[in-house]
Amino acid sequence: METLSIIIPVFNEVNTIKEIIDQVRAVHLPQIASREIVIVDDYSTDGTRDLLATYKDQNTFRIVFTTGTAVRERPSGRE
């Protein structure tokens, strides 16, 4: 079976992330595909992390928490 990975970046989305997750889960997939939802939280400070932690035990979710320093601007190679 093929797996469709849906990656959702979030930052301070406590008021919207549950609805987003519900909408992603409601999308019908063919029987030949399973779904994996990957949520990348970029150091939210509004309670998003606490809300996402309630999804961690569900096998279709992978939650990634960053520390705010994991992503840095890369030089573009232009002067």
PDB file of N, CA and C in Angstrom:
ATOM      1  N   MET A   1       0.840  -1.180   0.000  1.00  0.00           N
ATOM      2  CA  MET A   1       0.000   0.000   0.000  1.00  0.00           C
ATOM      3  C   MET A   1       0.889   1.248   0.000  1.00  0.00           C
ATOM      4  N   GLU A   2       0.543   2.188  -0.825  1.00  0.00           N
ATOM      5  CA  GLU A   2       1.260   3.457  -0.890  1.00  0.00           C
ATOM      6  C   GLU A   2       0.841   4.354   0.275  1.00  0.00           C
ATOM      7  N   THR A   3       1.758   5.231   0.707  1.00  0.00           N
ATOM      8  CA  THR A   3       1.443   6.172   1.777  1.00  0.00           C
ATOM      9  C   THR A   3       1.539   7.595   1.246  1.00  0.00           C
ATOM     10  N   LEU A   4       0.510   8.370   1.483  1.00  0.00           N
ATOM     11  CA  LEU A   4       0.505   9.782   1.147  1.00  0.00           C
ATOM     12  C   LEU A   4       0.876  10.549   2.403  1.00  0.00           C
ATOM     13  N   SER A   5       1.991  11.292   2.355  1.00  0.00           N
ATOM     14  CA  SER A   5       2.412  12.116   3.491  1.00  0.00           C
ATOM     15  C   SER A   5       1.953  13.538   3.258  1.00  0.00           C
ATOM     16  N   ILE A   6       1.211  14.065   4.208  1.00  0.00           N
ATOM     17  CA  ILE A   6       0.727  15.441   4.146  1.00  0.00           C
ATOM     18  C   ILE A   6       1.482  16.212   5.211  1.00  0.00           C
ATOM     19  N   ILE A   7       2.251  17.203   4.791  1.00  0.00           N
ATOM     20  CA  ILE A   7       3.090  17.976   5.705  1.00  0.00           C
ATOM     21  C   ILE A   7       2.425  19.322   5.950  1.00  0.00           C
ATOM     22  N   ILE A   8       2.207  19.636   7.222  1.00  0.00           N
ATOM     23  CA  ILE A   8       1.535  20.875   7.602  1.00  0.00           C
ATOM     24  C   ILE A   8       2.456  21.661   8.525  1.00  0.00           C
ATOM     25  N   PRO A   9       3.050  22.750   8.030  1.00  0.00           N
ATOM     26  CA  PRO A   9       3.852  23.601   8.915  1.00  0.00           C
ATOM     27  C   PRO A   9       2.926  24.510   9.726  1.00  0.00           C
ATOM     28  N   VAL A  10       3.209  24.679  11.010  1.00  0.00           N
ATOM     29  CA  VAL A  10       2.371  25.535  11.843  1.00  0.00           C
ATOM     30  C   VAL A  10       3.228  26.439  12.729  1.00  0.00           C
ATOM     31  N   PHE A  11       2.663  27.586  13.033  1.00  0.00           N
ATOM     32  CA  PHE A  11       3.256  28.513  14.001  1.00  0.00           C
ATOM     33  C   PHE A  11       2.104  29.301  14.622  1.00  0.00           C
ATOM     34  N   ASN A  12       1.900  29.108  15.914  1.00  0.00           N
ATOM     35  CA  ASN A  12       0.832  29.788  16.647  1.00  0.00           C
ATOM     36  C   ASN A  12      -0.522  29.632  15.962  1.00  0.00           C
ATOM     37  N   GLU A  13      -0.946  28.377  15.798  1.00  0.00           N
ATOM     38  CA  GLU A  13      -2.202  28.050  15.115  1.00  0.00           C
ATOM     39  C   GLU A  13      -3.203  27.371  16.043  1.00  0.00           C
ATOM     40  N   VAL A  14      -3.168  27.677  17.323  1.00  0.00           N
ATOM     41  CA  VAL A  14      -4.039  26.991  18.275  1.00  0.00           C
ATOM     42  C   VAL A  14      -5.517  27.133  17.901  1.00  0.00           C
ATOM     43  N   ASN A  15      -5.899  28.234  17.281  1.00  0.00           N
ATOM     44  CA  ASN A  15      -7.305  28.458  16.941  1.00  0.00           C
ATOM     45  C   ASN A  15      -7.732  27.800  15.634  1.00  0.00           C
ATOM     46  N   THR A  16      -6.781  27.318  14.828  1.00  0.00           N
ATOM     47  CA  THR A  16      -7.140  26.778  13.515  1.00  0.00           C
ATOM     48  C   THR A  16      -6.660  25.354  13.250  1.00  0.00           C
ATOM     49  N   ILE A  17      -5.691  24.852  13.990  1.00  0.00           N
ATOM     50  CA  ILE A  17      -5.054  23.587  13.633  1.00  0.00           C
ATOM     51  C   ILE A  17      -6.022  22.403  13.737  1.00  0.00           C
ATOM     52  N   LYS A  18      -6.922  22.407  14.706  1.00  0.00           N
ATOM     53  CA  LYS A  18      -7.866  21.288  14.819  1.00  0.00           C
ATOM     54  C   LYS A  18      -8.750  21.212  13.576  1.00  0.00           C
ATOM     55  N   GLU A  19      -9.244  22.345  13.107  1.00  0.00           N
ATOM     56  CA  GLU A  19     -10.073  22.350  11.903  1.00  0.00           C
ATOM     57  C   GLU A  19      -9.283  21.895  10.678  1.00  0.00           C
ATOM     58  N   ILE A  20      -8.038  22.326  10.585  1.00  0.00           N
ATOM     59  CA  ILE A  20      -7.185  21.906   9.463  1.00  0.00           C
ATOM     60  C   ILE A  20      -7.003  20.393   9.486  1.00  0.00           C
ATOM     61  N   ILE A  21      -6.696  19.851  10.654  1.00  0.00           N
ATOM     62  CA  ILE A  21      -6.503  18.401  10.785  1.00  0.00           C
ATOM     63  C   ILE A  21      -7.786  17.663  10.427  1.00  0.00           C
ATOM     64  N   ASP A  22      -8.917  18.155  10.910  1.00  0.00           N
ATOM     65  CA  ASP A  22     -10.202  17.517  10.607  1.00  0.00           C
ATOM     66  C   ASP A  22     -10.475  17.522   9.104  1.00  0.00           C
ATOM     67  N   GLN A  23     -10.160  18.621   8.434  1.00  0.00           N
ATOM     68  CA  GLN A  23     -10.387  18.707   6.992  1.00  0.00           C
ATOM     69  C   GLN A  23      -9.467  17.753   6.228  1.00  0.00           C
ATOM     70  N   VAL A  24      -8.224  17.653   6.650  1.00  0.00           N
ATOM     71  CA  VAL A  24      -7.291  16.732   5.990  1.00  0.00           C
ATOM     72  C   VAL A  24      -7.750  15.294   6.186  1.00  0.00           C
ATOM     73  N   ARG A  25      -8.210  14.961   7.373  1.00  0.00           N
ATOM     74  CA  ARG A  25      -8.683  13.606   7.651  1.00  0.00           C
ATOM     75  C   ARG A  25      -9.952  13.261   6.877  1.00  0.00           C
ATOM     76  N   ALA A  26     -10.761  14.277   6.547  1.00  0.00           N
ATOM     77  CA  ALA A  26     -12.037  14.046   5.861  1.00  0.00           C
ATOM     78  C   ALA A  26     -11.871  13.768   4.364  1.00  0.00           C
ATOM     79  N   VAL A  27     -10.710  14.051   3.814  1.00  0.00           N
ATOM     80  CA  VAL A  27     -10.482  13.826   2.385  1.00  0.00           C
ATOM     81  C   VAL A  27     -10.452  12.323   2.108  1.00  0.00           C
ATOM     82  N   HIS A  28     -11.254  11.912   1.151  1.00  0.00           N
ATOM     83  CA  HIS A  28     -11.318  10.499   0.781  1.00  0.00           C
ATOM     84  C   HIS A  28     -10.083  10.119  -0.043  1.00  0.00           C
ATOM     85  N   LEU A  29      -9.433   9.044   0.349  1.00  0.00           N
ATOM     86  CA  LEU A  29      -8.297   8.516  -0.403  1.00  0.00           C
ATOM     87  C   LEU A  29      -8.697   7.186  -1.026  1.00  0.00           C
ATOM     88  N   PRO A  30      -8.120   6.870  -2.174  1.00  0.00           N
ATOM     89  CA  PRO A  30      -8.381   5.542  -2.746  1.00  0.00           C
ATOM     90  C   PRO A  30      -7.927   4.455  -1.770  1.00  0.00           C
ATOM     91  N   GLN A  31      -8.503   3.289  -1.890  1.00  0.00           N
ATOM     92  CA  GLN A  31      -8.167   2.198  -0.975  1.00  0.00           C
ATOM     93  C   GLN A  31      -6.722   1.738  -1.101  1.00  0.00           C
ATOM     94  N   ILE A  32      -6.057   2.152  -2.153  1.00  0.00           N
ATOM     95  CA  ILE A  32      -4.668   1.729  -2.331  1.00  0.00           C
ATOM     96  C   ILE A  32      -3.684   2.641  -1.614  1.00  0.00           C
ATOM     97  N   ALA A  33      -4.183   3.667  -0.935  1.00  0.00           N
ATOM     98  CA  ALA A  33      -3.288   4.620  -0.278  1.00  0.00           C
ATOM     99  C   ALA A  33      -3.662   4.793   1.188  1.00  0.00           C
ATOM    100  N   SER A  34      -2.638   4.909   2.017  1.00  0.00           N
ATOM    101  CA  SER A  34      -2.857   5.262   3.412  1.00  0.00           C
ATOM    102  C   SER A  34      -2.354   6.695   3.598  1.00  0.00           C
ATOM    103  N   ARG A  35      -2.630   7.254   4.734  1.00  0.00           N
ATOM    104  CA  ARG A  35      -2.319   8.654   4.969  1.00  0.00           C
ATOM    105  C   ARG A  35      -1.427   8.795   6.197  1.00  0.00           C
ATOM    106  N   GLU A  36      -0.449   9.671   6.095  1.00  0.00           N
ATOM    107  CA  GLU A  36       0.403  10.051   7.222  1.00  0.00           C
ATOM    108  C   GLU A  36       0.365  11.567   7.282  1.00  0.00           C
ATOM    109  N   ILE A  37       0.034  12.109   8.440  1.00  0.00           N
ATOM    110  CA  ILE A  37      -0.004  13.559   8.609  1.00  0.00           C
ATOM    111  C   ILE A  37       1.199  13.960   9.444  1.00  0.00           C
ATOM    112  N   VAL A  38       2.054  14.787   8.849  1.00  0.00           N
ATOM    113  CA  VAL A  38       3.261  15.266   9.524  1.00  0.00           C
ATOM    114  C   VAL A  38       3.048  16.742   9.826  1.00  0.00           C
ATOM    115  N   ILE A  39       3.063  17.086  11.098  1.00  0.00           N
ATOM    116  CA  ILE A  39       2.876  18.476  11.498  1.00  0.00           C
ATOM    117  C   ILE A  39       4.184  18.969  12.085  1.00  0.00           C
ATOM    118  N   VAL A  40       4.687  20.063  11.499  1.00  0.00           N
ATOM    119  CA  VAL A  40       5.952  20.652  11.947  1.00  0.00           C
ATOM    120  C   VAL A  40       5.624  21.962  12.643  1.00  0.00           C
ATOM    121  N   ASP A  41       5.809  21.984  13.949  1.00  0.00           N
ATOM    122  CA  ASP A  41       5.528  23.180  14.739  1.00  0.00           C
ATOM    123  C   ASP A  41       6.824  23.969  14.918  1.00  0.00           C
ATOM    124  N   ASP A  42       6.811  25.194  14.466  1.00  0.00           N
ATOM    125  CA  ASP A  42       8.003  26.034  14.514  1.00  0.00           C
ATOM    126  C   ASP A  42       8.007  26.911  15.768  1.00  0.00           C
ATOM    127  N   TYR A  43       8.075  26.262  16.921  1.00  0.00           N
ATOM    128  CA  TYR A  43       8.232  26.926  18.208  1.00  0.00           C
ATOM    129  C   TYR A  43       7.045  27.821  18.547  1.00  0.00           C
ATOM    130  N   SER A  44       5.841  27.280  18.405  1.00  0.00           N
ATOM    131  CA  SER A  44       4.636  28.034  18.774  1.00  0.00           C
ATOM    132  C   SER A  44       4.632  28.329  20.265  1.00  0.00           C
ATOM    133  N   THR A  45       4.066  29.473  20.620  1.00  0.00           N
ATOM    134  CA  THR A  45       4.015  29.889  22.016  1.00  0.00           C
ATOM    135  C   THR A  45       2.587  30.150  22.492  1.00  0.00           C
ATOM    136  N   ASP A  46       1.591  29.781  21.669  1.00  0.00           N
ATOM    137  CA  ASP A  46       0.199  30.108  21.990  1.00  0.00           C
ATOM    138  C   ASP A  46      -0.622  28.911  22.455  1.00  0.00           C
ATOM    139  N   GLY A  47      -0.010  27.781  22.707  1.00  0.00           N
ATOM    140  CA  GLY A  47      -0.734  26.593  23.113  1.00  0.00           C
ATOM    141  C   GLY A  47      -0.875  25.562  22.004  1.00  0.00           C
ATOM    142  N   THR A  48      -0.377  25.877  20.811  1.00  0.00           N
ATOM    143  CA  THR A  48      -0.437  24.937  19.693  1.00  0.00           C
ATOM    144  C   THR A  48       0.271  23.636  20.054  1.00  0.00           C
ATOM    145  N   ARG A  49       1.427  23.732  20.677  1.00  0.00           N
ATOM    146  CA  ARG A  49       2.200  22.536  21.048  1.00  0.00           C
ATOM    147  C   ARG A  49       1.401  21.630  21.971  1.00  0.00           C
ATOM    148  N   ASP A  50       0.726  22.212  22.957  1.00  0.00           N
ATOM    149  CA  ASP A  50      -0.071  21.412  23.887  1.00  0.00           C
ATOM    150  C   ASP A  50      -1.213  20.707  23.164  1.00  0.00           C
ATOM    151  N   LEU A  51      -1.857  21.412  22.249  1.00  0.00           N
ATOM    152  CA  LEU A  51      -2.942  20.812  21.478  1.00  0.00           C
ATOM    153  C   LEU A  51      -2.424  19.675  20.599  1.00  0.00           C
ATOM    154  N   LEU A  52      -1.295  19.892  19.937  1.00  0.00           N
ATOM    155  CA  LEU A  52      -0.723  18.860  19.070  1.00  0.00           C
ATOM    156  C   LEU A  52      -0.303  17.627  19.863  1.00  0.00           C
ATOM    157  N   ALA A  53       0.125  17.828  21.079  1.00  0.00           N
ATOM    158  CA  ALA A  53       0.555  16.699  21.910  1.00  0.00           C
ATOM    159  C   ALA A  53      -0.584  15.706  22.121  1.00  0.00           C
ATOM    160  N   THR A  54      -1.830  16.148  22.024  1.00  0.00           N
ATOM    161  CA  THR A  54      -2.962  15.239  22.203  1.00  0.00           C
ATOM    162  C   THR A  54      -3.104  14.292  21.012  1.00  0.00           C
ATOM    163  N   TYR A  55      -2.478  14.603  19.882  1.00  0.00           N
ATOM    164  CA  TYR A  55      -2.541  13.759  18.690  1.00  0.00           C
ATOM    165  C   TYR A  55      -1.388  12.755  18.608  1.00  0.00           C
ATOM    166  N   LYS A  56      -0.396  12.883  19.452  1.00  0.00           N
ATOM    167  CA  LYS A  56       0.821  12.070  19.332  1.00  0.00           C
ATOM    168  C   LYS A  56       0.587  10.566  19.412  1.00  0.00           C
ATOM    169  N   ASP A  57      -0.412  10.136  20.119  1.00  0.00           N
ATOM    170  CA  ASP A  57      -0.647   8.700  20.280  1.00  0.00           C
ATOM    171  C   ASP A  57      -1.394   8.074  19.104  1.00  0.00           C
ATOM    172  N   GLN A  58      -1.811   8.879  18.165  1.00  0.00           N
ATOM    173  CA  GLN A  58      -2.539   8.359  17.014  1.00  0.00           C
ATOM    174  C   GLN A  58      -1.538   7.943  15.944  1.00  0.00           C
ATOM    175  N   ASN A  59      -1.702   6.770  15.391  1.00  0.00           N
ATOM    176  CA  ASN A  59      -0.684   6.203  14.510  1.00  0.00           C
ATOM    177  C   ASN A  59      -0.581   6.870  13.145  1.00  0.00           C
ATOM    178  N   THR A  60      -1.516   7.728  12.771  1.00  0.00           N
ATOM    179  CA  THR A  60      -1.416   8.396  11.467  1.00  0.00           C
ATOM    180  C   THR A  60      -0.723   9.748  11.574  1.00  0.00           C
ATOM    181  N   PHE A  61      -0.292  10.116  12.774  1.00  0.00           N
ATOM    182  CA  PHE A  61       0.330  11.423  12.986  1.00  0.00           C
ATOM    183  C   PHE A  61       1.801  11.312  13.331  1.00  0.00           C
ATOM    184  N   ARG A  62       2.554  12.256  12.832  1.00  0.00           N
ATOM    185  CA  ARG A  62       3.923  12.448  13.268  1.00  0.00           C
ATOM    186  C   ARG A  62       4.050  13.940  13.556  1.00  0.00           C
ATOM    187  N   ILE A  63       4.404  14.274  14.778  1.00  0.00           N
ATOM    188  CA  ILE A  63       4.510  15.669  15.188  1.00  0.00           C
ATOM    189  C   ILE A  63       5.983  15.986  15.381  1.00  0.00           C
ATOM    190  N   VAL A  64       6.436  17.079  14.761  1.00  0.00           N
ATOM    191  CA  VAL A  64       7.824  17.518  14.887  1.00  0.00           C
ATOM    192  C   VAL A  64       7.809  18.891  15.529  1.00  0.00           C
ATOM    193  N   PHE A  65       8.495  19.016  16.651  1.00  0.00           N
ATOM    194  CA  PHE A  65       8.612  20.312  17.320  1.00  0.00           C
ATOM    195  C   PHE A  65      10.016  20.856  17.099  1.00  0.00           C
ATOM    196  N   THR A  66      10.106  22.089  16.630  1.00  0.00           N
ATOM    197  CA  THR A  66      11.421  22.710  16.480  1.00  0.00           C
ATOM    198  C   THR A  66      11.656  23.651  17.659  1.00  0.00           C
ATOM    199  N   THR A  67      12.896  24.059  17.810  1.00  0.00           N
ATOM    200  CA  THR A  67      13.246  24.936  18.925  1.00  0.00           C
ATOM    201  C   THR A  67      13.330  26.392  18.516  1.00  0.00           C
ATOM    202  N   GLY A  68      13.010  26.694  17.299  1.00  0.00           N
ATOM    203  CA  GLY A  68      13.108  28.065  16.826  1.00  0.00           C
ATOM    204  C   GLY A  68      14.463  28.376  16.232  1.00  0.00           C
ATOM    205  N   THR A  69      15.425  27.457  16.394  1.00  0.00           N
ATOM    206  CA  THR A  69      16.760  27.681  15.839  1.00  0.00           C
ATOM    207  C   THR A  69      17.122  26.635  14.800  1.00  0.00           C
ATOM    208  N   ALA A  70      16.230  25.670  14.575  1.00  0.00           N
ATOM    209  CA  ALA A  70      16.544  24.577  13.654  1.00  0.00           C
ATOM    210  C   ALA A  70      16.567  25.015  12.202  1.00  0.00           C
ATOM    211  N   VAL A  71      15.828  26.053  11.884  1.00  0.00           N
ATOM    212  CA  VAL A  71      15.770  26.532  10.507  1.00  0.00           C
ATOM    213  C   VAL A  71      16.417  27.904  10.455  1.00  0.00           C
ATOM    214  N   ARG A  72      17.377  28.018   9.591  1.00  0.00           N
ATOM    215  CA  ARG A  72      18.064  29.307   9.424  1.00  0.00           C
ATOM    216  C   ARG A  72      18.078  29.684   7.969  1.00  0.00           C
ATOM    217  N   GLU A  73      18.143  30.944   7.723  1.00  0.00           N
ATOM    218  CA  GLU A  73      18.193  31.408   6.342  1.00  0.00           C
ATOM    219  C   GLU A  73      19.490  30.942   5.707  1.00  0.00           C
ATOM    220  N   ARG A  74      19.377  30.420   4.490  1.00  0.00           N
ATOM    221  CA  ARG A  74      20.562  29.968   3.758  1.00  0.00           C
ATOM    222  C   ARG A  74      21.027  31.062   2.822  1.00  0.00           C
ATOM    223  N   PRO A  75      22.325  31.187   2.645  1.00  0.00           N
ATOM    224  CA  PRO A  75      22.810  32.166   1.675  1.00  0.00           C
ATOM    225  C   PRO A  75      22.312  31.778   0.266  1.00  0.00           C
ATOM    226  N   SER A  76      21.939  32.770  -0.498  1.00  0.00           N
ATOM    227  CA  SER A  76      21.389  32.474  -1.826  1.00  0.00           C
ATOM    228  C   SER A  76      22.480  32.316  -2.882  1.00  0.00           C
ATOM    229  N   GLY A  77      23.716  32.683  -2.580  1.00  0.00           N
ATOM    230  CA  GLY A  77      24.778  32.593  -3.550  1.00  0.00           C
ATOM    231  C   GLY A  77      24.873  33.822  -4.434  1.00  0.00           C
ATOM    232  N   ARG A  78      23.993  34.765  -4.196  1.00  0.00           N
ATOM    233  CA  ARG A  78      24.019  36.021  -4.966  1.00  0.00           C
ATOM    234  C   ARG A  78      24.659  37.111  -4.140  1.00  0.00           C
ATOM    235  N   GLU A  79      25.297  37.978  -4.810  1.00  0.00           N
ATOM    236  CA  GLU A  79      25.921  39.130  -4.141  1.00  0.00           C
ATOM    237  C   GLU A  79      24.947  40.274  -4.043  1.00  0.00           C
TER     238      GLU A  79
END
